[in-house]
Amino acid sequence: MSLANPIRQDVEHALREMGLGRRIRASVPVGSGCINNGLRIDTETGSSFFLKWNADAPVQMFEVEAAGLTALREARVRVSEPLAWGGSDGAPSWLLLEYITPGATRGDSDERLGRGLAALRDREAQETFGWYHDNWIGALPQGNARSSA
């Protein structure tokens, strides 16, 4: 799977802006779920990143996903760091992430995940549930209005 323009141009621009490289040297297909495309991209500097995109997704989908990943990272859940996102005017929406090399889980991985999710909950108002923005589960919209129940 090759990376077509204008995504390539947008991502290379974002990489330059962040000082992480000037151009994409190679791309390798990586599974990313049922509705998005995914690639590991390698730059001429030797850095690798994970890129996901969807020609039919609104740009807000990846913007809100980036916010959710940031919240998980702040709660010390090990997820990829969101670096940049974009897409508009008919161009596919995309999200550039830190690339984490797949590896074996540790024996306490489930417990650490549970503690991280609990810490995320502790950061929010204790008397309400929800999120500041609606998001998506796959292609389906998910309402996240604050609620006490």
C-alpha atoms as a PDB file:
ATOM      1  CA  MET A   1       0.000   0.000   0.000  1.00  0.00           C
ATOM      2  CA  SER A   2       1.561   3.281  -1.035  1.00  0.00           C
ATOM      3  CA  LEU A   3       0.876   6.632   0.549  1.00  0.00           C
ATOM      4  CA  ALA A   4      -0.849   8.926  -1.919  1.00  0.00           C
ATOM      5  CA  ASN A   5      -0.811  12.692  -2.104  1.00  0.00           C
ATOM      6  CA  PRO A   6      -2.144  14.863  -0.492  1.00  0.00           C
ATOM      7  CA  ILE A   7      -1.660  12.836   2.713  1.00  0.00           C
ATOM      8  CA  ARG A   8       2.056  12.385   1.963  1.00  0.00           C
ATOM      9  CA  GLN A   9       2.523  16.132   1.488  1.00  0.00           C
ATOM     10  CA  ASP A  10       0.543  16.975   4.649  1.00  0.00           C
ATOM     11  CA  VAL A  11       2.440  14.452   6.776  1.00  0.00           C
ATOM     12  CA  GLU A  12       5.834  15.505   5.424  1.00  0.00           C
ATOM     13  CA  HIS A  13       4.919  19.116   6.176  1.00  0.00           C
ATOM     14  CA  ALA A  14       3.935  18.149   9.751  1.00  0.00           C
ATOM     15  CA  LEU A  15       7.185  16.215  10.206  1.00  0.00           C
ATOM     16  CA  ARG A  16       9.207  19.237   9.042  1.00  0.00           C
ATOM     17  CA  GLU A  17       7.263  21.543  11.372  1.00  0.00           C
ATOM     18  CA  MET A  18       8.064  19.257  14.330  1.00  0.00           C
ATOM     19  CA  GLY A  19      11.698  18.831  13.287  1.00  0.00           C
ATOM     20  CA  LEU A  20      11.235  15.068  12.878  1.00  0.00           C
ATOM     21  CA  GLY A  21      12.294  14.686   9.262  1.00  0.00           C
ATOM     22  CA  ARG A  22      11.835  16.157   5.835  1.00  0.00           C
ATOM     23  CA  ARG A  23      10.470  13.324   3.771  1.00  0.00           C
ATOM     24  CA  ILE A  24       9.026   9.831   3.964  1.00  0.00           C
ATOM     25  CA  ARG A  25      11.537   7.260   2.731  1.00  0.00           C
ATOM     26  CA  ALA A  26       9.406   4.114   3.034  1.00  0.00           C
ATOM     27  CA  SER A  27       5.997   2.909   4.148  1.00  0.00           C
ATOM     28  CA  VAL A  28       4.976  -0.535   5.386  1.00  0.00           C
ATOM     29  CA  PRO A  29       1.337  -1.651   5.812  1.00  0.00           C
ATOM     30  CA  VAL A  30       0.274  -2.163   9.437  1.00  0.00           C
ATOM     31  CA  GLY A  31      -3.141  -3.288  10.631  1.00  0.00           C
ATOM     32  CA  SER A  32      -5.155  -0.464  12.126  1.00  0.00           C
ATOM     33  CA  GLY A  33      -8.674  -1.727  12.624  1.00  0.00           C
ATOM     34  CA  CYS A  34     -11.693  -2.232  10.445  1.00  0.00           C
ATOM     35  CA  ILE A  35     -12.322   1.257   9.031  1.00  0.00           C
ATOM     36  CA  ASN A  36      -8.902   2.934   8.776  1.00  0.00           C
ATOM     37  CA  ASN A  37      -5.785   2.377   6.727  1.00  0.00           C
ATOM     38  CA  GLY A  38      -2.476   2.109   8.564  1.00  0.00           C
ATOM     39  CA  LEU A  39       1.194   2.368   7.691  1.00  0.00           C
ATOM     40  CA  ARG A  40       4.474   2.478   9.499  1.00  0.00           C
ATOM     41  CA  ILE A  41       6.305   5.303   7.803  1.00  0.00           C
ATOM     42  CA  ASP A  42      10.070   5.682   7.912  1.00  0.00           C
ATOM     43  CA  THR A  43      11.780   9.015   7.331  1.00  0.00           C
ATOM     44  CA  GLU A  44      15.200   9.754   5.885  1.00  0.00           C
ATOM     45  CA  THR A  45      16.389  10.431   9.472  1.00  0.00           C
ATOM     46  CA  GLY A  46      15.711   6.790  10.418  1.00  0.00           C
ATOM     47  CA  SER A  47      12.674   7.624  12.561  1.00  0.00           C
ATOM     48  CA  SER A  48       9.484   5.564  12.298  1.00  0.00           C
ATOM     49  CA  PHE A  49       5.901   6.673  12.902  1.00  0.00           C
ATOM     50  CA  PHE A  50       2.440   5.143  12.682  1.00  0.00           C
ATOM     51  CA  LEU A  51       0.046   6.821  10.270  1.00  0.00           C
ATOM     52  CA  LYS A  52      -3.637   6.050  10.026  1.00  0.00           C
ATOM     53  CA  TRP A  53      -6.089   7.632   7.628  1.00  0.00           C
ATOM     54  CA  ASN A  54      -9.604   7.353   6.340  1.00  0.00           C
ATOM     55  CA  ALA A  55     -10.936   9.014   3.194  1.00  0.00           C
ATOM     56  CA  ASP A  56     -14.481   9.042   4.614  1.00  0.00           C
ATOM     57  CA  ALA A  57     -13.799  10.192   8.179  1.00  0.00           C
ATOM     58  CA  PRO A  58     -14.372  13.724   9.396  1.00  0.00           C
ATOM     59  CA  VAL A  59     -11.147  15.398  10.564  1.00  0.00           C
ATOM     60  CA  GLN A  60     -12.695  15.696  14.039  1.00  0.00           C
ATOM     61  CA  MET A  61     -12.556  11.891  14.370  1.00  0.00           C
ATOM     62  CA  PHE A  62      -8.775  11.912  14.599  1.00  0.00           C
ATOM     63  CA  GLU A  63      -8.591  15.178  16.530  1.00  0.00           C
ATOM     64  CA  VAL A  64     -10.798  13.730  19.282  1.00  0.00           C
ATOM     65  CA  GLU A  65      -8.902  10.424  19.150  1.00  0.00           C
ATOM     66  CA  ALA A  66      -5.676  12.374  19.709  1.00  0.00           C
ATOM     67  CA  ALA A  67      -7.238  14.095  22.746  1.00  0.00           C
ATOM     68  CA  GLY A  68      -8.327  10.722  24.149  1.00  0.00           C
ATOM     69  CA  LEU A  69      -4.856   9.252  23.667  1.00  0.00           C
ATOM     70  CA  THR A  70      -3.335  12.284  25.367  1.00  0.00           C
ATOM     71  CA  ALA A  71      -5.674  11.826  28.337  1.00  0.00           C
ATOM     72  CA  LEU A  72      -4.712   8.147  28.563  1.00  0.00           C
ATOM     73  CA  ARG A  73      -1.010   9.058  28.456  1.00  0.00           C
ATOM     74  CA  GLU A  74      -1.535  11.615  31.236  1.00  0.00           C
ATOM     75  CA  ALA A  75      -3.087   8.785  33.289  1.00  0.00           C
ATOM     76  CA  ARG A  76       0.095   6.787  32.597  1.00  0.00           C
ATOM     77  CA  VAL A  77      -1.523   4.281  30.237  1.00  0.00           C
ATOM     78  CA  ARG A  78       1.102   3.336  27.627  1.00  0.00           C
ATOM     79  CA  VAL A  79      -0.399   4.315  24.278  1.00  0.00           C
ATOM     80  CA  SER A  80       1.127   5.964  21.224  1.00  0.00           C
ATOM     81  CA  GLU A  81       1.718   9.687  21.485  1.00  0.00           C
ATOM     82  CA  PRO A  82      -0.398  11.616  18.977  1.00  0.00           C
ATOM     83  CA  LEU A  83       1.877  13.939  16.989  1.00  0.00           C
ATOM     84  CA  ALA A  84      -0.274  15.553  14.286  1.00  0.00           C
ATOM     85  CA  TRP A  85      -3.562  15.167  12.431  1.00  0.00           C
ATOM     86  CA  GLY A  86      -5.214  16.768   9.468  1.00  0.00           C
ATOM     87  CA  GLY A  87      -7.379  16.515   6.403  1.00  0.00           C
ATOM     88  CA  SER A  88      -9.943  18.852   4.909  1.00  0.00           C
ATOM     89  CA  ASP A  89     -11.439  20.088   1.655  1.00  0.00           C
ATOM     90  CA  GLY A  90     -12.100  16.571   0.425  1.00  0.00           C
ATOM     91  CA  ALA A  91      -8.660  15.281   1.447  1.00  0.00           C
ATOM     92  CA  PRO A  92      -8.574  12.134   3.602  1.00  0.00           C
ATOM     93  CA  SER A  93      -8.377  12.639   7.360  1.00  0.00           C
ATOM     94  CA  TRP A  94      -5.209  11.328   9.017  1.00  0.00           C
ATOM     95  CA  LEU A  95      -3.499  10.885  12.375  1.00  0.00           C
ATOM     96  CA  LEU A  96       0.270  10.622  12.879  1.00  0.00           C
ATOM     97  CA  LEU A  97       1.360   8.739  15.986  1.00  0.00           C
ATOM     98  CA  GLU A  98       4.464   7.570  17.739  1.00  0.00           C
ATOM     99  CA  TYR A  99       5.369   4.113  16.445  1.00  0.00           C
ATOM    100  CA  ILE A 100       5.600   1.525  19.211  1.00  0.00           C
ATOM    101  CA  THR A 101       7.392  -1.649  18.211  1.00  0.00           C
ATOM    102  CA  PRO A 102       5.163  -4.655  18.943  1.00  0.00           C
ATOM    103  CA  GLY A 103       6.407  -6.827  21.785  1.00  0.00           C
ATOM    104  CA  ALA A 104       5.397  -9.232  24.494  1.00  0.00           C
ATOM    105  CA  THR A 105       3.214  -8.015  27.333  1.00  0.00           C
ATOM    106  CA  ARG A 106       4.477  -8.082  30.889  1.00  0.00           C
ATOM    107  CA  GLY A 107       2.806 -10.187  33.549  1.00  0.00           C
ATOM    108  CA  ASP A 108       1.254  -7.121  35.165  1.00  0.00           C
ATOM    109  CA  SER A 109       0.023  -5.495  31.917  1.00  0.00           C
ATOM    110  CA  ASP A 110      -3.672  -5.962  32.689  1.00  0.00           C
ATOM    111  CA  GLU A 111      -3.286  -4.573  36.192  1.00  0.00           C
ATOM    112  CA  ARG A 112      -1.312  -1.550  34.968  1.00  0.00           C
ATOM    113  CA  LEU A 113      -3.994  -0.873  32.331  1.00  0.00           C
ATOM    114  CA  GLY A 114      -6.745  -1.062  34.965  1.00  0.00           C
ATOM    115  CA  ARG A 115      -4.881   1.277  37.309  1.00  0.00           C
ATOM    116  CA  GLY A 116      -4.278   3.727  34.465  1.00  0.00           C
ATOM    117  CA  LEU A 117      -7.950   3.750  33.499  1.00  0.00           C
ATOM    118  CA  ALA A 118      -8.915   4.250  37.138  1.00  0.00           C
ATOM    119  CA  ALA A 119      -6.484   7.182  37.331  1.00  0.00           C
ATOM    120  CA  LEU A 120      -8.132   8.677  34.247  1.00  0.00           C
ATOM    121  CA  ARG A 121     -11.477   8.452  35.993  1.00  0.00           C
ATOM    122  CA  ASP A 122     -10.013  10.060  39.129  1.00  0.00           C
ATOM    123  CA  ARG A 123      -8.906  13.085  37.078  1.00  0.00           C
ATOM    124  CA  GLU A 124     -12.449  13.816  35.995  1.00  0.00           C
ATOM    125  CA  ALA A 125     -15.236  15.182  38.198  1.00  0.00           C
ATOM    126  CA  GLN A 126     -16.196  12.350  40.516  1.00  0.00           C
ATOM    127  CA  GLU A 127     -19.926  12.962  40.275  1.00  0.00           C
ATOM    128  CA  THR A 128     -20.224  12.796  36.483  1.00  0.00           C
ATOM    129  CA  PHE A 129     -19.449  10.502  33.600  1.00  0.00           C
ATOM    130  CA  GLY A 130     -18.773  11.353  29.965  1.00  0.00           C
ATOM    131  CA  TRP A 131     -16.213  13.242  27.924  1.00  0.00           C
ATOM    132  CA  TYR A 132     -15.911  16.803  26.732  1.00  0.00           C
ATOM    133  CA  HIS A 133     -16.594  15.809  23.123  1.00  0.00           C
ATOM    134  CA  ASP A 134     -18.557  13.176  21.258  1.00  0.00           C
ATOM    135  CA  ASN A 135     -16.372  10.683  19.411  1.00  0.00           C
ATOM    136  CA  TRP A 136     -16.623   7.474  17.380  1.00  0.00           C
ATOM    137  CA  ILE A 137     -16.448   3.741  17.910  1.00  0.00           C
ATOM    138  CA  GLY A 138     -15.314   2.596  14.506  1.00  0.00           C
ATOM    139  CA  ALA A 139     -17.560   4.413  12.045  1.00  0.00           C
ATOM    140  CA  LEU A 140     -20.383   4.836  14.563  1.00  0.00           C
ATOM    141  CA  PRO A 141     -20.834   8.146  16.396  1.00  0.00           C
ATOM    142  CA  GLN A 142     -20.749   7.926  20.183  1.00  0.00           C
ATOM    143  CA  GLY A 143     -22.447  10.569  22.282  1.00  0.00           C
ATOM    144  CA  ASN A 144     -20.521  11.465  25.430  1.00  0.00           C
ATOM    145  CA  ALA A 145     -22.696  14.063  27.151  1.00  0.00           C
ATOM    146  CA  ARG A 146     -21.847  14.521  30.815  1.00  0.00           C
ATOM    147  CA  SER A 147     -24.234  12.632  33.058  1.00  0.00           C
ATOM    148  CA  SER A 148     -24.548  11.780  36.733  1.00  0.00           C
ATOM    149  CA  ALA A 149     -25.856   8.289  35.964  1.00  0.00           C
END
